[in-house]
PDB file of N, CA and C in Angstrom:
ATOM      1  N   UNK A   1      94.192  88.454 109.250  1.00  0.00           N
ATOM      2  CA  UNK A   1      93.441  89.572 108.964  1.00  0.00           C
ATOM      3  C   UNK A   1      94.283  90.127 107.653  1.00  0.00           C
ATOM      4  N   UNK A   2      93.426  90.535 106.828  1.00  0.00           N
ATOM      5  CA  UNK A   2      93.804  90.878 105.434  1.00  0.00           C
ATOM      6  C   UNK A   2      93.876  92.509 105.437  1.00  0.00           C
ATOM      7  N   UNK A   3      94.771  93.038 104.235  1.00  0.00           N
ATOM      8  CA  UNK A   3      94.723  94.431 104.209  1.00  0.00           C
ATOM      9  C   UNK A   3      94.357  94.881 102.849  1.00  0.00           C
ATOM     10  N   UNK A   4      93.239  95.623 102.702  1.00  0.00           N
ATOM     11  CA  UNK A   4      92.447  95.749 101.504  1.00  0.00           C
ATOM     12  C   UNK A   4      92.637  97.250 101.212  1.00  0.00           C
ATOM     13  N   UNK A   5      92.839  97.336  99.761  1.00  0.00           N
ATOM     14  CA  UNK A   5      92.970  98.888  99.263  1.00  0.00           C
ATOM     15  C   UNK A   5      91.947  99.171  98.049  1.00  0.00           C
ATOM     16  N   UNK A   6      91.328 100.274  98.512  1.00  0.00           N
ATOM     17  CA  UNK A   6      90.105 100.708  97.623  1.00  0.00           C
ATOM     18  C   UNK A   6      90.647 101.165  96.280  1.00  0.00           C
ATOM     19  N   UNK A   7      90.088 100.510  95.070  1.00  0.00           N
ATOM     20  CA  UNK A   7      90.520 100.709  93.657  1.00  0.00           C
ATOM     21  C   UNK A   7      90.229 102.086  93.425  1.00  0.00           C
ATOM     22  N   UNK A   8      89.308 102.679  94.063  1.00  0.00           N
ATOM     23  CA  UNK A   8      89.049 104.088  93.667  1.00  0.00           C
ATOM     24  C   UNK A   8      89.765 105.411  94.138  1.00  0.00           C
ATOM     25  N   UNK A   9      89.745 104.928  95.907  1.00  0.00           N
ATOM     26  CA  UNK A   9      90.508 106.332  96.381  1.00  0.00           C
ATOM     27  C   UNK A   9      91.959 105.904  96.804  1.00  0.00           C
ATOM     28  N   UNK A  10      92.042 104.750  96.991  1.00  0.00           N
ATOM     29  CA  UNK A  10      93.418 104.328  97.657  1.00  0.00           C
ATOM     30  C   UNK A  10      93.473 103.802  98.956  1.00  0.00           C
ATOM     31  N   UNK A  11      92.355 104.276  99.661  1.00  0.00           N
ATOM     32  CA  UNK A  11      92.224 104.001 101.212  1.00  0.00           C
ATOM     33  C   UNK A  11      92.504 102.624 101.377  1.00  0.00           C
ATOM     34  N   UNK A  12      93.108 102.350 102.713  1.00  0.00           N
ATOM     35  CA  UNK A  12      93.590 100.933 103.101  1.00  0.00           C
ATOM     36  C   UNK A  12      92.901 100.615 104.451  1.00  0.00           C
ATOM     37  N   UNK A  13      92.317  99.398 104.493  1.00  0.00           N
ATOM     38  CA  UNK A  13      91.541  98.970 105.875  1.00  0.00           C
ATOM     39  C   UNK A  13      92.379  97.540 105.930  1.00  0.00           C
ATOM     40  N   UNK A  14      92.379  97.221 107.240  1.00  0.00           N
ATOM     41  CA  UNK A  14      92.705  95.855 107.716  1.00  0.00           C
ATOM     42  C   UNK A  14      91.631  95.182 108.240  1.00  0.00           C
ATOM     43  N   UNK A  15      91.157  94.196 107.715  1.00  0.00           N
ATOM     44  CA  UNK A  15      90.142  93.416 107.853  1.00  0.00           C
ATOM     45  C   UNK A  15      90.089  92.156 107.481  1.00  0.00           C
ATOM     46  N   UNK A  16      89.188  91.097 108.077  1.00  0.00           N
ATOM     47  CA  UNK A  16      89.218  89.947 107.423  1.00  0.00           C
ATOM     48  C   UNK A  16      88.783  90.006 106.162  1.00  0.00           C
ATOM     49  N   UNK A  17      87.831  90.505 105.890  1.00  0.00           N
ATOM     50  CA  UNK A  17      87.037  90.907 104.493  1.00  0.00           C
ATOM     51  C   UNK A  17      86.803  92.193 104.159  1.00  0.00           C
ATOM     52  N   UNK A  18      87.000  92.509 102.747  1.00  0.00           N
ATOM     53  CA  UNK A  18      86.795  94.054 102.564  1.00  0.00           C
ATOM     54  C   UNK A  18      85.445  94.621 102.927  1.00  0.00           C
ATOM     55  N   UNK A  19      85.257  95.628 103.171  1.00  0.00           N
ATOM     56  CA  UNK A  19      83.781  96.483 103.498  1.00  0.00           C
ATOM     57  C   UNK A  19      83.144  96.440 102.125  1.00  0.00           C
ATOM     58  N   UNK A  20      81.808  96.412 102.108  1.00  0.00           N
ATOM     59  CA  UNK A  20      80.864  96.940 101.032  1.00  0.00           C
ATOM     60  C   UNK A  20      81.173  98.264 100.604  1.00  0.00           C
ATOM     61  N   UNK A  21      81.192  99.010 101.507  1.00  0.00           N
ATOM     62  CA  UNK A  21      81.282 100.532 101.168  1.00  0.00           C
ATOM     63  C   UNK A  21      82.823 101.176 101.655  1.00  0.00           C
ATOM     64  N   UNK A  22      83.610 101.784 101.037  1.00  0.00           N
ATOM     65  CA  UNK A  22      84.762 102.476 101.449  1.00  0.00           C
ATOM     66  C   UNK A  22      84.503 103.674 102.528  1.00  0.00           C
ATOM     67  N   UNK A  23      84.908 103.147 103.801  1.00  0.00           N
ATOM     68  CA  UNK A  23      84.939 103.979 104.744  1.00  0.00           C
ATOM     69  C   UNK A  23      85.525 105.599 104.568  1.00  0.00           C
ATOM     70  N   UNK A  24      86.362 105.599 103.584  1.00  0.00           N
ATOM     71  CA  UNK A  24      87.104 106.912 103.413  1.00  0.00           C
ATOM     72  C   UNK A  24      86.066 107.706 102.291  1.00  0.00           C
ATOM     73  N   UNK A  25      85.928 107.226 101.111  1.00  0.00           N
ATOM     74  CA  UNK A  25      85.026 107.760 100.009  1.00  0.00           C
ATOM     75  C   UNK A  25      83.684 107.688 100.067  1.00  0.00           C
ATOM     76  N   UNK A  26      83.242 106.632 100.844  1.00  0.00           N
ATOM     77  CA  UNK A  26      81.753 106.378 101.119  1.00  0.00           C
ATOM     78  C   UNK A  26      81.171 105.820  99.777  1.00  0.00           C
ATOM     79  N   UNK A  27      81.976 105.115  98.900  1.00  0.00           N
ATOM     80  CA  UNK A  27      81.381 104.608  97.720  1.00  0.00           C
ATOM     81  C   UNK A  27      81.613 103.152  97.829  1.00  0.00           C
ATOM     82  N   UNK A  28      80.614 102.392  97.147  1.00  0.00           N
ATOM     83  CA  UNK A  28      80.938 100.882  96.741  1.00  0.00           C
ATOM     84  C   UNK A  28      81.844 100.991  95.825  1.00  0.00           C
ATOM     85  N   UNK A  29      83.070 100.294  96.398  1.00  0.00           N
ATOM     86  CA  UNK A  29      84.162 100.188  95.502  1.00  0.00           C
ATOM     87  C   UNK A  29      84.587  98.774  95.464  1.00  0.00           C
ATOM     88  N   UNK A  30      85.598  98.571  94.529  1.00  0.00           N
ATOM     89  CA  UNK A  30      86.175  97.199  94.641  1.00  0.00           C
ATOM     90  C   UNK A  30      87.601  97.300  95.443  1.00  0.00           C
ATOM     91  N   UNK A  31      87.696  96.351  96.187  1.00  0.00           N
ATOM     92  CA  UNK A  31      89.070  96.362  97.026  1.00  0.00           C
ATOM     93  C   UNK A  31      90.061  95.192  96.632  1.00  0.00           C
ATOM     94  N   UNK A  32      91.167  95.741  96.573  1.00  0.00           N
ATOM     95  CA  UNK A  32      92.161  94.927  95.888  1.00  0.00           C
ATOM     96  C   UNK A  32      93.028  94.030  97.404  1.00  0.00           C
ATOM     97  N   UNK A  33      93.338  93.004  97.531  1.00  0.00           N
ATOM     98  CA  UNK A  33      94.001  92.455  98.552  1.00  0.00           C
ATOM     99  C   UNK A  33      95.559  92.679  98.508  1.00  0.00           C
ATOM    100  N   UNK A  34      96.113  93.462  99.297  1.00  0.00           N
ATOM    101  CA  UNK A  34      97.262  93.807  99.114  1.00  0.00           C
ATOM    102  C   UNK A  34      98.260  93.243 100.612  1.00  0.00           C
ATOM    103  N   UNK A  35      97.631  92.347 101.070  1.00  0.00           N
ATOM    104  CA  UNK A  35      98.171  91.871 102.260  1.00  0.00           C
ATOM    105  C   UNK A  35      99.599  90.987 101.740  1.00  0.00           C
ATOM    106  N   UNK A  36     100.806  91.090 102.653  1.00  0.00           N
ATOM    107  CA  UNK A  36     101.953  90.696 102.453  1.00  0.00           C
ATOM    108  C   UNK A  36     101.688  89.047 103.057  1.00  0.00           C
ATOM    109  N   UNK A  37     101.560  88.252 102.229  1.00  0.00           N
ATOM    110  CA  UNK A  37     101.564  86.613 102.627  1.00  0.00           C
ATOM    111  C   UNK A  37     102.728  85.795 101.926  1.00  0.00           C
ATOM    112  N   UNK A  38     103.515  86.282 101.493  1.00  0.00           N
ATOM    113  CA  UNK A  38     104.647  85.673 101.063  1.00  0.00           C
ATOM    114  C   UNK A  38     105.858  86.241 101.890  1.00  0.00           C
ATOM    115  N   UNK A  39     106.986  85.448 102.108  1.00  0.00           N
ATOM    116  CA  UNK A  39     108.046  85.835 102.748  1.00  0.00           C
ATOM    117  C   UNK A  39     108.967  86.895 102.014  1.00  0.00           C
ATOM    118  N   UNK A  40     108.759  86.740 100.682  1.00  0.00           N
ATOM    119  CA  UNK A  40     109.579  87.411  99.730  1.00  0.00           C
ATOM    120  C   UNK A  40     109.303  88.963  99.605  1.00  0.00           C
ATOM    121  N   UNK A  41     108.282  89.380 100.429  1.00  0.00           N
ATOM    122  CA  UNK A  41     108.062  91.221 100.408  1.00  0.00           C
ATOM    123  C   UNK A  41     108.799  91.490 101.817  1.00  0.00           C
ATOM    124  N   UNK A  42     109.328  90.598 102.616  1.00  0.00           N
ATOM    125  CA  UNK A  42     110.207  90.864 103.733  1.00  0.00           C
ATOM    126  C   UNK A  42     109.667  91.671 104.854  1.00  0.00           C
ATOM    127  N   UNK A  43     108.409  91.635 105.085  1.00  0.00           N
ATOM    128  CA  UNK A  43     107.553  92.369 106.343  1.00  0.00           C
ATOM    129  C   UNK A  43     106.246  91.729 106.392  1.00  0.00           C
ATOM    130  N   UNK A  44     105.632  91.972 107.307  1.00  0.00           N
ATOM    131  CA  UNK A  44     104.184  92.086 107.572  1.00  0.00           C
ATOM    132  C   UNK A  44     103.672  93.192 107.015  1.00  0.00           C
ATOM    133  N   UNK A  45     102.146  93.109 106.815  1.00  0.00           N
ATOM    134  CA  UNK A  45     101.475  94.300 106.419  1.00  0.00           C
ATOM    135  C   UNK A  45     101.206  94.210 104.906  1.00  0.00           C
ATOM    136  N   UNK A  46     101.160  95.299 104.305  1.00  0.00           N
ATOM    137  CA  UNK A  46     100.924  95.402 102.737  1.00  0.00           C
ATOM    138  C   UNK A  46     102.108  95.320 101.915  1.00  0.00           C
ATOM    139  N   UNK A  47     102.122  94.628 100.814  1.00  0.00           N
ATOM    140  CA  UNK A  47     103.125  94.284  99.684  1.00  0.00           C
ATOM    141  C   UNK A  47     103.249  95.585  98.740  1.00  0.00           C
ATOM    142  N   UNK A  48     104.166  96.326  98.964  1.00  0.00           N
ATOM    143  CA  UNK A  48     104.139  97.610  98.202  1.00  0.00           C
ATOM    144  C   UNK A  48     104.015  97.117  96.592  1.00  0.00           C
ATOM    145  N   UNK A  49     104.684  95.777  96.535  1.00  0.00           N
ATOM    146  CA  UNK A  49     104.516  95.494  94.831  1.00  0.00           C
ATOM    147  C   UNK A  49     103.138  95.756  94.460  1.00  0.00           C
ATOM    148  N   UNK A  50     102.065  95.216  95.190  1.00  0.00           N
ATOM    149  CA  UNK A  50     100.531  95.453  95.054  1.00  0.00           C
ATOM    150  C   UNK A  50      99.839  96.859  95.038  1.00  0.00           C
ATOM    151  N   UNK A  51     100.613  97.830  95.490  1.00  0.00           N
ATOM    152  CA  UNK A  51      99.919  98.837  95.685  1.00  0.00           C
ATOM    153  C   UNK A  51      99.731  99.687  94.459  1.00  0.00           C
TER     154      UNK A  51
END
């Protein structure tokens, strides 16, 4: 499962793929994958370096 951040409002969702419409701002926004998928980030969840 990925963690996606809305580029417009910063809302984060955990889903396989990003939604077409942001559940928070209700706009069609671009979502950035901020999933921690490398051991270097030190935890599971979002990678703060991408936020």
